[in-house]
PDB file of N, CA and C in Angstrom:
ATOM      1  N   UNK A   1      70.218 -14.121  -7.519  1.00  0.00           N
ATOM      2  CA  UNK A   1      69.983 -15.203  -6.177  1.00  0.00           C
ATOM      3  C   UNK A   1      68.463 -15.820  -6.231  1.00  0.00           C
ATOM      4  N   UNK A   2      68.864 -17.288  -6.296  1.00  0.00           N
ATOM      5  CA  UNK A   2      67.797 -18.058  -6.181  1.00  0.00           C
ATOM      6  C   UNK A   2      66.478 -17.926  -5.445  1.00  0.00           C
ATOM      7  N   UNK A   3      65.248 -18.465  -5.744  1.00  0.00           N
ATOM      8  CA  UNK A   3      63.991 -18.068  -4.883  1.00  0.00           C
ATOM      9  C   UNK A   3      64.168 -19.276  -4.134  1.00  0.00           C
ATOM     10  N   UNK A   4      63.812 -19.003  -2.579  1.00  0.00           N
ATOM     11  CA  UNK A   4      63.697 -20.307  -2.027  1.00  0.00           C
ATOM     12  C   UNK A   4      62.418 -20.615  -1.820  1.00  0.00           C
ATOM     13  N   UNK A   5      62.825 -21.924  -1.927  1.00  0.00           N
ATOM     14  CA  UNK A   5      61.299 -23.297  -1.846  1.00  0.00           C
ATOM     15  C   UNK A   5      60.281 -22.959  -1.145  1.00  0.00           C
ATOM     16  N   UNK A   6      58.736 -23.003  -1.310  1.00  0.00           N
ATOM     17  CA  UNK A   6      57.660 -22.903   0.009  1.00  0.00           C
ATOM     18  C   UNK A   6      58.057 -23.651   0.775  1.00  0.00           C
ATOM     19  N   UNK A   7      58.263 -23.352   2.121  1.00  0.00           N
ATOM     20  CA  UNK A   7      58.109 -24.549   3.321  1.00  0.00           C
ATOM     21  C   UNK A   7      56.881 -25.382   2.809  1.00  0.00           C
ATOM     22  N   UNK A   8      57.071 -27.085   3.531  1.00  0.00           N
ATOM     23  CA  UNK A   8      55.994 -27.370   3.781  1.00  0.00           C
ATOM     24  C   UNK A   8      55.865 -27.820   4.924  1.00  0.00           C
ATOM     25  N   UNK A   9      54.668 -27.183   6.097  1.00  0.00           N
ATOM     26  CA  UNK A   9      54.404 -26.870   7.402  1.00  0.00           C
ATOM     27  C   UNK A   9      53.039 -28.379   7.508  1.00  0.00           C
ATOM     28  N   UNK A  10      53.337 -28.626   8.445  1.00  0.00           N
ATOM     29  CA  UNK A  10      52.484 -29.984   8.841  1.00  0.00           C
ATOM     30  C   UNK A  10      50.867 -28.895   8.825  1.00  0.00           C
ATOM     31  N   UNK A  11      49.591 -30.033   8.215  1.00  0.00           N
ATOM     32  CA  UNK A  11      48.892 -28.641   8.515  1.00  0.00           C
ATOM     33  C   UNK A  11      47.967 -28.697   9.956  1.00  0.00           C
ATOM     34  N   UNK A  12      48.532 -29.511  11.131  1.00  0.00           N
ATOM     35  CA  UNK A  12      48.188 -29.575  12.008  1.00  0.00           C
ATOM     36  C   UNK A  12      48.682 -28.458  13.237  1.00  0.00           C
ATOM     37  N   UNK A  13      49.421 -27.790  12.522  1.00  0.00           N
ATOM     38  CA  UNK A  13      50.253 -26.022  12.928  1.00  0.00           C
ATOM     39  C   UNK A  13      48.726 -24.901  12.744  1.00  0.00           C
ATOM     40  N   UNK A  14      48.103 -24.931  11.117  1.00  0.00           N
ATOM     41  CA  UNK A  14      47.180 -24.509  11.283  1.00  0.00           C
ATOM     42  C   UNK A  14      45.892 -24.817  11.051  1.00  0.00           C
ATOM     43  N   UNK A  15      45.162 -25.460  11.817  1.00  0.00           N
ATOM     44  CA  UNK A  15      44.290 -25.873  12.106  1.00  0.00           C
ATOM     45  C   UNK A  15      42.601 -25.542  11.853  1.00  0.00           C
ATOM     46  N   UNK A  16      43.595 -24.122  12.870  1.00  0.00           N
ATOM     47  CA  UNK A  16      42.099 -23.279  12.425  1.00  0.00           C
ATOM     48  C   UNK A  16      41.680 -22.241  11.289  1.00  0.00           C
ATOM     49  N   UNK A  17      42.562 -22.355  10.414  1.00  0.00           N
ATOM     50  CA  UNK A  17      42.537 -21.821   9.207  1.00  0.00           C
ATOM     51  C   UNK A  17      42.316 -22.190   8.054  1.00  0.00           C
ATOM     52  N   UNK A  18      41.961 -21.698   6.970  1.00  0.00           N
ATOM     53  CA  UNK A  18      41.966 -22.678   5.549  1.00  0.00           C
ATOM     54  C   UNK A  18      43.225 -22.559   4.691  1.00  0.00           C
ATOM     55  N   UNK A  19      44.048 -23.609   5.142  1.00  0.00           N
ATOM     56  CA  UNK A  19      45.888 -24.249   5.228  1.00  0.00           C
ATOM     57  C   UNK A  19      46.051 -23.497   3.843  1.00  0.00           C
ATOM     58  N   UNK A  20      45.256 -24.387   2.645  1.00  0.00           N
ATOM     59  CA  UNK A  20      45.696 -24.331   1.231  1.00  0.00           C
ATOM     60  C   UNK A  20      45.588 -22.745   0.793  1.00  0.00           C
ATOM     61  N   UNK A  21      45.108 -21.857   1.052  1.00  0.00           N
ATOM     62  CA  UNK A  21      44.670 -20.290   0.881  1.00  0.00           C
ATOM     63  C   UNK A  21      45.629 -19.592   1.783  1.00  0.00           C
ATOM     64  N   UNK A  22      46.649 -20.106   2.822  1.00  0.00           N
ATOM     65  CA  UNK A  22      47.319 -18.946   3.501  1.00  0.00           C
ATOM     66  C   UNK A  22      48.368 -18.408   2.521  1.00  0.00           C
ATOM     67  N   UNK A  23      48.396 -17.390   2.880  1.00  0.00           N
ATOM     68  CA  UNK A  23      50.167 -16.615   2.200  1.00  0.00           C
ATOM     69  C   UNK A  23      50.783 -16.666   2.877  1.00  0.00           C
ATOM     70  N   UNK A  24      52.050 -17.298   2.483  1.00  0.00           N
ATOM     71  CA  UNK A  24      53.094 -17.755   3.472  1.00  0.00           C
ATOM     72  C   UNK A  24      53.669 -15.565   3.631  1.00  0.00           C
ATOM     73  N   UNK A  25      53.859 -15.256   2.308  1.00  0.00           N
ATOM     74  CA  UNK A  25      54.410 -13.839   2.786  1.00  0.00           C
ATOM     75  C   UNK A  25      53.923 -12.816   2.957  1.00  0.00           C
ATOM     76  N   UNK A  26      52.365 -12.844   2.843  1.00  0.00           N
ATOM     77  CA  UNK A  26      51.513 -11.450   2.800  1.00  0.00           C
ATOM     78  C   UNK A  26      51.157 -11.523   4.686  1.00  0.00           C
ATOM     79  N   UNK A  27      51.225 -13.316   5.008  1.00  0.00           N
ATOM     80  CA  UNK A  27      51.204 -13.138   6.105  1.00  0.00           C
ATOM     81  C   UNK A  27      52.048 -14.093   6.944  1.00  0.00           C
ATOM     82  N   UNK A  28      53.234 -13.356   7.243  1.00  0.00           N
ATOM     83  CA  UNK A  28      54.556 -14.150   7.159  1.00  0.00           C
ATOM     84  C   UNK A  28      54.704 -13.960   8.800  1.00  0.00           C
ATOM     85  N   UNK A  29      53.967 -12.709   9.941  1.00  0.00           N
ATOM     86  CA  UNK A  29      54.297 -12.418  10.903  1.00  0.00           C
ATOM     87  C   UNK A  29      53.691 -14.046  11.586  1.00  0.00           C
ATOM     88  N   UNK A  30      52.036 -13.959  11.213  1.00  0.00           N
ATOM     89  CA  UNK A  30      51.064 -15.405  11.705  1.00  0.00           C
ATOM     90  C   UNK A  30      51.447 -16.641  11.672  1.00  0.00           C
ATOM     91  N   UNK A  31      52.100 -16.956  10.492  1.00  0.00           N
ATOM     92  CA  UNK A  31      52.752 -18.010   9.934  1.00  0.00           C
ATOM     93  C   UNK A  31      54.278 -18.307  10.772  1.00  0.00           C
ATOM     94  N   UNK A  32      55.016 -16.941  11.346  1.00  0.00           N
ATOM     95  CA  UNK A  32      56.156 -17.348  11.987  1.00  0.00           C
ATOM     96  C   UNK A  32      55.703 -17.866  13.778  1.00  0.00           C
ATOM     97  N   UNK A  33      54.673 -16.708  13.803  1.00  0.00           N
ATOM     98  CA  UNK A  33      54.277 -16.875  15.974  1.00  0.00           C
ATOM     99  C   UNK A  33      54.223 -18.564  15.723  1.00  0.00           C
ATOM    100  N   UNK A  34      52.703 -18.878  14.627  1.00  0.00           N
ATOM    101  CA  UNK A  34      52.319 -20.124  14.641  1.00  0.00           C
ATOM    102  C   UNK A  34      53.132 -21.126  14.774  1.00  0.00           C
ATOM    103  N   UNK A  35      54.274 -21.024  13.849  1.00  0.00           N
ATOM    104  CA  UNK A  35      55.354 -22.237  14.207  1.00  0.00           C
ATOM    105  C   UNK A  35      56.012 -22.480  15.075  1.00  0.00           C
ATOM    106  N   UNK A  36      56.117 -21.507  15.704  1.00  0.00           N
ATOM    107  CA  UNK A  36      57.068 -21.684  17.236  1.00  0.00           C
ATOM    108  C   UNK A  36      56.050 -21.661  18.014  1.00  0.00           C
ATOM    109  N   UNK A  37      54.970 -21.657  17.842  1.00  0.00           N
ATOM    110  CA  UNK A  37      54.122 -21.936  18.604  1.00  0.00           C
ATOM    111  C   UNK A  37      53.787 -24.121  19.205  1.00  0.00           C
ATOM    112  N   UNK A  38      53.317 -24.450  17.972  1.00  0.00           N
ATOM    113  CA  UNK A  38      52.697 -25.249  17.628  1.00  0.00           C
ATOM    114  C   UNK A  38      53.592 -26.112  17.065  1.00  0.00           C
ATOM    115  N   UNK A  39      55.171 -25.882  16.087  1.00  0.00           N
ATOM    116  CA  UNK A  39      55.468 -26.676  15.560  1.00  0.00           C
ATOM    117  C   UNK A  39      56.225 -27.193  15.829  1.00  0.00           C
ATOM    118  N   UNK A  40      56.896 -28.315  14.855  1.00  0.00           N
ATOM    119  CA  UNK A  40      58.255 -28.870  15.715  1.00  0.00           C
ATOM    120  C   UNK A  40      59.553 -28.686  15.182  1.00  0.00           C
ATOM    121  N   UNK A  41      60.386 -29.339  15.338  1.00  0.00           N
ATOM    122  CA  UNK A  41      61.849 -28.842  15.085  1.00  0.00           C
ATOM    123  C   UNK A  41      62.341 -28.869  13.592  1.00  0.00           C
ATOM    124  N   UNK A  42      61.569 -29.393  12.569  1.00  0.00           N
ATOM    125  CA  UNK A  42      61.661 -29.633  11.811  1.00  0.00           C
ATOM    126  C   UNK A  42      60.610 -28.561  11.191  1.00  0.00           C
ATOM    127  N   UNK A  43      59.851 -27.892  11.352  1.00  0.00           N
ATOM    128  CA  UNK A  43      58.797 -26.828  10.688  1.00  0.00           C
ATOM    129  C   UNK A  43      59.752 -25.753  11.492  1.00  0.00           C
ATOM    130  N   UNK A  44      60.533 -25.956  12.315  1.00  0.00           N
ATOM    131  CA  UNK A  44      61.103 -24.556  13.006  1.00  0.00           C
ATOM    132  C   UNK A  44      62.138 -24.283  11.928  1.00  0.00           C
ATOM    133  N   UNK A  45      62.905 -25.309  11.192  1.00  0.00           N
ATOM    134  CA  UNK A  45      64.048 -24.867  10.799  1.00  0.00           C
ATOM    135  C   UNK A  45      63.439 -24.911   9.267  1.00  0.00           C
ATOM    136  N   UNK A  46      62.682 -24.850   8.852  1.00  0.00           N
ATOM    137  CA  UNK A  46      61.873 -24.355   7.279  1.00  0.00           C
ATOM    138  C   UNK A  46      61.741 -23.131   7.661  1.00  0.00           C
ATOM    139  N   UNK A  47      60.795 -22.969   8.722  1.00  0.00           N
ATOM    140  CA  UNK A  47      60.255 -21.532   8.859  1.00  0.00           C
ATOM    141  C   UNK A  47      61.639 -20.394   9.032  1.00  0.00           C
ATOM    142  N   UNK A  48      62.791 -21.087   9.394  1.00  0.00           N
ATOM    143  CA  UNK A  48      64.256 -19.912   9.522  1.00  0.00           C
ATOM    144  C   UNK A  48      64.747 -19.867   8.259  1.00  0.00           C
ATOM    145  N   UNK A  49      64.990 -21.231   7.249  1.00  0.00           N
ATOM    146  CA  UNK A  49      65.039 -20.938   6.451  1.00  0.00           C
ATOM    147  C   UNK A  49      64.431 -20.818   5.390  1.00  0.00           C
ATOM    148  N   UNK A  50      63.072 -20.500   5.284  1.00  0.00           N
ATOM    149  CA  UNK A  50      62.131 -19.396   4.220  1.00  0.00           C
ATOM    150  C   UNK A  50      62.025 -18.112   4.375  1.00  0.00           C
ATOM    151  N   UNK A  51      62.329 -18.108   5.517  1.00  0.00           N
ATOM    152  CA  UNK A  51      61.916 -16.248   5.856  1.00  0.00           C
ATOM    153  C   UNK A  51      63.335 -15.745   6.767  1.00  0.00           C
ATOM    154  N   UNK A  52      64.244 -16.316   6.631  1.00  0.00           N
ATOM    155  CA  UNK A  52      65.594 -15.865   7.163  1.00  0.00           C
ATOM    156  C   UNK A  52      65.557 -15.492   8.484  1.00  0.00           C
ATOM    157  N   UNK A  53      66.597 -15.311   9.088  1.00  0.00           N
ATOM    158  CA  UNK A  53      66.954 -15.170  10.951  1.00  0.00           C
ATOM    159  C   UNK A  53      66.364 -14.013  10.800  1.00  0.00           C
ATOM    160  N   UNK A  54      66.457 -12.712  10.406  1.00  0.00           N
ATOM    161  CA  UNK A  54      66.155 -11.271  10.318  1.00  0.00           C
ATOM    162  C   UNK A  54      64.505 -11.103  10.953  1.00  0.00           C
ATOM    163  N   UNK A  55      63.560 -12.114   9.749  1.00  0.00           N
ATOM    164  CA  UNK A  55      62.177 -11.521  10.116  1.00  0.00           C
ATOM    165  C   UNK A  55      61.882 -12.521  10.824  1.00  0.00           C
ATOM    166  N   UNK A  56      62.599 -13.512  11.333  1.00  0.00           N
ATOM    167  CA  UNK A  56      61.784 -14.335  12.044  1.00  0.00           C
ATOM    168  C   UNK A  56      61.860 -13.592  13.464  1.00  0.00           C
ATOM    169  N   UNK A  57      63.190 -13.247  13.974  1.00  0.00           N
ATOM    170  CA  UNK A  57      63.350 -12.380  15.068  1.00  0.00           C
ATOM    171  C   UNK A  57      62.437 -11.615  15.249  1.00  0.00           C
ATOM    172  N   UNK A  58      62.360 -10.117  14.031  1.00  0.00           N
ATOM    173  CA  UNK A  58      61.092  -9.199  14.443  1.00  0.00           C
ATOM    174  C   UNK A  58      60.142  -9.998  14.754  1.00  0.00           C
ATOM    175  N   UNK A  59      59.693 -10.700  14.060  1.00  0.00           N
ATOM    176  CA  UNK A  59      58.109 -11.333  14.562  1.00  0.00           C
ATOM    177  C   UNK A  59      58.320 -12.037  15.885  1.00  0.00           C
ATOM    178  N   UNK A  60      59.295 -12.725  16.091  1.00  0.00           N
ATOM    179  CA  UNK A  60      59.165 -13.295  17.264  1.00  0.00           C
ATOM    180  C   UNK A  60      59.760 -12.171  18.353  1.00  0.00           C
ATOM    181  N   UNK A  61      59.819 -11.043  18.290  1.00  0.00           N
ATOM    182  CA  UNK A  61      60.107 -10.162  19.476  1.00  0.00           C
ATOM    183  C   UNK A  61      58.725  -9.413  19.426  1.00  0.00           C
ATOM    184  N   UNK A  62      57.451  -9.395  18.344  1.00  0.00           N
ATOM    185  CA  UNK A  62      56.705  -8.637  18.240  1.00  0.00           C
ATOM    186  C   UNK A  62      55.143  -9.212  18.822  1.00  0.00           C
ATOM    187  N   UNK A  63      55.455 -10.944  19.128  1.00  0.00           N
ATOM    188  CA  UNK A  63      54.383 -11.546  19.569  1.00  0.00           C
ATOM    189  C   UNK A  63      53.652 -10.975  19.998  1.00  0.00           C
ATOM    190  N   UNK A  64      52.381 -11.172  20.072  1.00  0.00           N
ATOM    191  CA  UNK A  64      51.721 -10.580  21.636  1.00  0.00           C
ATOM    192  C   UNK A  64      51.698 -12.166  22.276  1.00  0.00           C
ATOM    193  N   UNK A  65      52.054 -12.610  21.899  1.00  0.00           N
ATOM    194  CA  UNK A  65      51.207 -14.242  22.818  1.00  0.00           C
ATOM    195  C   UNK A  65      52.417 -15.374  22.091  1.00  0.00           C
ATOM    196  N   UNK A  66      53.309 -16.505  23.182  1.00  0.00           N
ATOM    197  CA  UNK A  66      53.712 -17.361  22.994  1.00  0.00           C
ATOM    198  C   UNK A  66      53.916 -17.700  23.932  1.00  0.00           C
ATOM    199  N   UNK A  67      53.308 -19.570  24.336  1.00  0.00           N
ATOM    200  CA  UNK A  67      53.003 -20.142  25.986  1.00  0.00           C
ATOM    201  C   UNK A  67      54.707 -20.117  26.059  1.00  0.00           C
ATOM    202  N   UNK A  68      54.957 -20.286  27.247  1.00  0.00           N
ATOM    203  CA  UNK A  68      55.854 -20.176  28.173  1.00  0.00           C
ATOM    204  C   UNK A  68      56.902 -20.811  27.577  1.00  0.00           C
ATOM    205  N   UNK A  69      56.617 -22.088  27.487  1.00  0.00           N
ATOM    206  CA  UNK A  69      57.816 -22.672  27.417  1.00  0.00           C
ATOM    207  C   UNK A  69      58.445 -22.798  25.710  1.00  0.00           C
ATOM    208  N   UNK A  70      57.331 -22.029  24.810  1.00  0.00           N
ATOM    209  CA  UNK A  70      57.268 -21.765  23.425  1.00  0.00           C
ATOM    210  C   UNK A  70      58.581 -19.888  23.970  1.00  0.00           C
ATOM    211  N   UNK A  71      57.785 -19.429  24.870  1.00  0.00           N
ATOM    212  CA  UNK A  71      59.106 -18.444  24.582  1.00  0.00           C
ATOM    213  C   UNK A  71      60.882 -18.471  25.164  1.00  0.00           C
ATOM    214  N   UNK A  72      60.977 -19.486  25.814  1.00  0.00           N
ATOM    215  CA  UNK A  72      62.585 -20.019  26.190  1.00  0.00           C
ATOM    216  C   UNK A  72      63.045 -20.621  24.873  1.00  0.00           C
ATOM    217  N   UNK A  73      62.099 -21.285  24.144  1.00  0.00           N
ATOM    218  CA  UNK A  73      62.579 -22.385  22.755  1.00  0.00           C
ATOM    219  C   UNK A  73      62.903 -21.185  21.607  1.00  0.00           C
ATOM    220  N   UNK A  74      62.121 -20.521  21.972  1.00  0.00           N
ATOM    221  CA  UNK A  74      62.300 -18.808  20.743  1.00  0.00           C
ATOM    222  C   UNK A  74      63.294 -18.020  21.264  1.00  0.00           C
ATOM    223  N   UNK A  75      63.926 -17.793  22.828  1.00  0.00           N
ATOM    224  CA  UNK A  75      64.652 -17.296  22.768  1.00  0.00           C
ATOM    225  C   UNK A  75      66.305 -18.072  22.468  1.00  0.00           C
ATOM    226  N   UNK A  76      66.356 -19.285  22.735  1.00  0.00           N
ATOM    227  CA  UNK A  76      67.333 -19.763  22.466  1.00  0.00           C
ATOM    228  C   UNK A  76      67.547 -20.130  20.770  1.00  0.00           C
ATOM    229  N   UNK A  77      66.732 -20.121  20.205  1.00  0.00           N
ATOM    230  CA  UNK A  77      66.692 -20.414  18.712  1.00  0.00           C
ATOM    231  C   UNK A  77      67.544 -19.018  17.887  1.00  0.00           C
ATOM    232  N   UNK A  78      66.140 -17.471  18.495  1.00  0.00           N
ATOM    233  CA  UNK A  78      67.461 -16.733  17.985  1.00  0.00           C
ATOM    234  C   UNK A  78      68.341 -15.630  18.757  1.00  0.00           C
ATOM    235  N   UNK A  79      68.762 -16.156  19.661  1.00  0.00           N
ATOM    236  CA  UNK A  79      69.602 -15.802  20.941  1.00  0.00           C
ATOM    237  C   UNK A  79      69.436 -14.584  21.300  1.00  0.00           C
ATOM    238  N   UNK A  80      68.238 -14.202  21.912  1.00  0.00           N
ATOM    239  CA  UNK A  80      67.974 -12.992  22.854  1.00  0.00           C
ATOM    240  C   UNK A  80      66.719 -13.631  24.315  1.00  0.00           C
ATOM    241  N   UNK A  81      67.219 -11.992  25.195  1.00  0.00           N
ATOM    242  CA  UNK A  81      66.804 -12.495  26.060  1.00  0.00           C
ATOM    243  C   UNK A  81      65.816 -12.626  25.863  1.00  0.00           C
ATOM    244  N   UNK A  82      65.684 -12.896  26.965  1.00  0.00           N
ATOM    245  CA  UNK A  82      63.511 -12.957  27.571  1.00  0.00           C
ATOM    246  C   UNK A  82      63.198 -12.250  27.532  1.00  0.00           C
ATOM    247  N   UNK A  83      63.274 -10.756  27.890  1.00  0.00           N
ATOM    248  CA  UNK A  83      63.377  -9.602  28.197  1.00  0.00           C
ATOM    249  C   UNK A  83      62.761  -8.764  26.904  1.00  0.00           C
ATOM    250  N   UNK A  84      63.159  -9.028  26.024  1.00  0.00           N
ATOM    251  CA  UNK A  84      63.203  -8.205  24.903  1.00  0.00           C
ATOM    252  C   UNK A  84      61.986  -9.265  23.765  1.00  0.00           C
ATOM    253  N   UNK A  85      61.032 -10.097  24.613  1.00  0.00           N
ATOM    254  CA  UNK A  85      59.708 -10.565  23.422  1.00  0.00           C
ATOM    255  C   UNK A  85      59.171  -9.540  24.473  1.00  0.00           C
ATOM    256  N   UNK A  86      58.361  -9.275  23.526  1.00  0.00           N
ATOM    257  CA  UNK A  86      57.208  -8.852  24.042  1.00  0.00           C
ATOM    258  C   UNK A  86      55.895  -9.241  24.765  1.00  0.00           C
ATOM    259  N   UNK A  87      55.811 -10.869  24.200  1.00  0.00           N
ATOM    260  CA  UNK A  87      54.894 -11.067  25.193  1.00  0.00           C
ATOM    261  C   UNK A  87      55.405 -11.897  26.386  1.00  0.00           C
ATOM    262  N   UNK A  88      57.107 -12.277  26.644  1.00  0.00           N
ATOM    263  CA  UNK A  88      57.407 -12.096  27.622  1.00  0.00           C
ATOM    264  C   UNK A  88      57.105 -11.282  28.698  1.00  0.00           C
ATOM    265  N   UNK A  89      56.810  -9.709  28.240  1.00  0.00           N
ATOM    266  CA  UNK A  89      56.886  -8.632  28.758  1.00  0.00           C
ATOM    267  C   UNK A  89      55.283  -8.639  29.781  1.00  0.00           C
ATOM    268  N   UNK A  90      54.559  -8.797  28.568  1.00  0.00           N
ATOM    269  CA  UNK A  90      53.025  -9.096  28.634  1.00  0.00           C
ATOM    270  C   UNK A  90      52.767  -9.554  29.551  1.00  0.00           C
ATOM    271  N   UNK A  91      52.714 -11.158  29.683  1.00  0.00           N
ATOM    272  CA  UNK A  91      53.209 -11.611  30.685  1.00  0.00           C
ATOM    273  C   UNK A  91      52.990 -11.399  32.414  1.00  0.00           C
ATOM    274  N   UNK A  92      54.255 -10.701  32.166  1.00  0.00           N
ATOM    275  CA  UNK A  92      55.227 -10.090  33.269  1.00  0.00           C
ATOM    276  C   UNK A  92      53.915  -9.182  34.045  1.00  0.00           C
ATOM    277  N   UNK A  93      53.482  -8.363  32.960  1.00  0.00           N
ATOM    278  CA  UNK A  93      52.834  -7.071  33.525  1.00  0.00           C
ATOM    279  C   UNK A  93      51.289  -7.612  33.758  1.00  0.00           C
ATOM    280  N   UNK A  94      51.063  -9.369  33.620  1.00  0.00           N
ATOM    281  CA  UNK A  94      49.662  -9.963  34.300  1.00  0.00           C
ATOM    282  C   UNK A  94      49.846 -11.439  33.972  1.00  0.00           C
ATOM    283  N   UNK A  95      50.375 -11.215  35.689  1.00  0.00           N
ATOM    284  CA  UNK A  95      50.318 -12.332  36.075  1.00  0.00           C
ATOM    285  C   UNK A  95      49.489 -13.299  35.794  1.00  0.00           C
ATOM    286  N   UNK A  96      49.238 -14.592  36.161  1.00  0.00           N
ATOM    287  CA  UNK A  96      48.491 -15.205  36.356  1.00  0.00           C
ATOM    288  C   UNK A  96      48.102 -16.198  37.260  1.00  0.00           C
ATOM    289  N   UNK A  97      46.965 -16.270  37.870  1.00  0.00           N
ATOM    290  CA  UNK A  97      46.845 -16.963  39.567  1.00  0.00           C
ATOM    291  C   UNK A  97      48.181 -18.151  39.308  1.00  0.00           C
ATOM    292  N   UNK A  98      48.312 -18.617  40.508  1.00  0.00           N
ATOM    293  CA  UNK A  98      49.204 -19.667  40.699  1.00  0.00           C
ATOM    294  C   UNK A  98      48.347 -21.426  40.499  1.00  0.00           C
ATOM    295  N   UNK A  99      48.732 -21.905  39.968  1.00  0.00           N
ATOM    296  CA  UNK A  99      47.958 -23.516  39.886  1.00  0.00           C
ATOM    297  C   UNK A  99      47.879 -24.358  40.784  1.00  0.00           C
ATOM    298  N   UNK A 100      47.297 -24.030  41.633  1.00  0.00           N
ATOM    299  CA  UNK A 100      47.572 -24.874  43.298  1.00  0.00           C
ATOM    300  C   UNK A 100      46.329 -26.185  42.756  1.00  0.00           C
TER     301      UNK A 100
END
């Protein structure tokens, strides 16, 4: 089996960490969450190609936080209902104030 080529993510996704020292395999869950939080369509495709849908699904379902619109995107991409996402459940348990 051929080794999958390392993805080329945009540095803006990882603005707060040392991008060159980021170990994509050791920090897989962090990378997947950050790509789905801040990445574009191409970044998400590269992420799924590199990690595989099983690993991506596992990381997203366990994520503590994703913005609401990104939870919906992740739900559509991995074909899982919102109620299976840990971040969605946590959001329901801690409702925010209405933005008036």
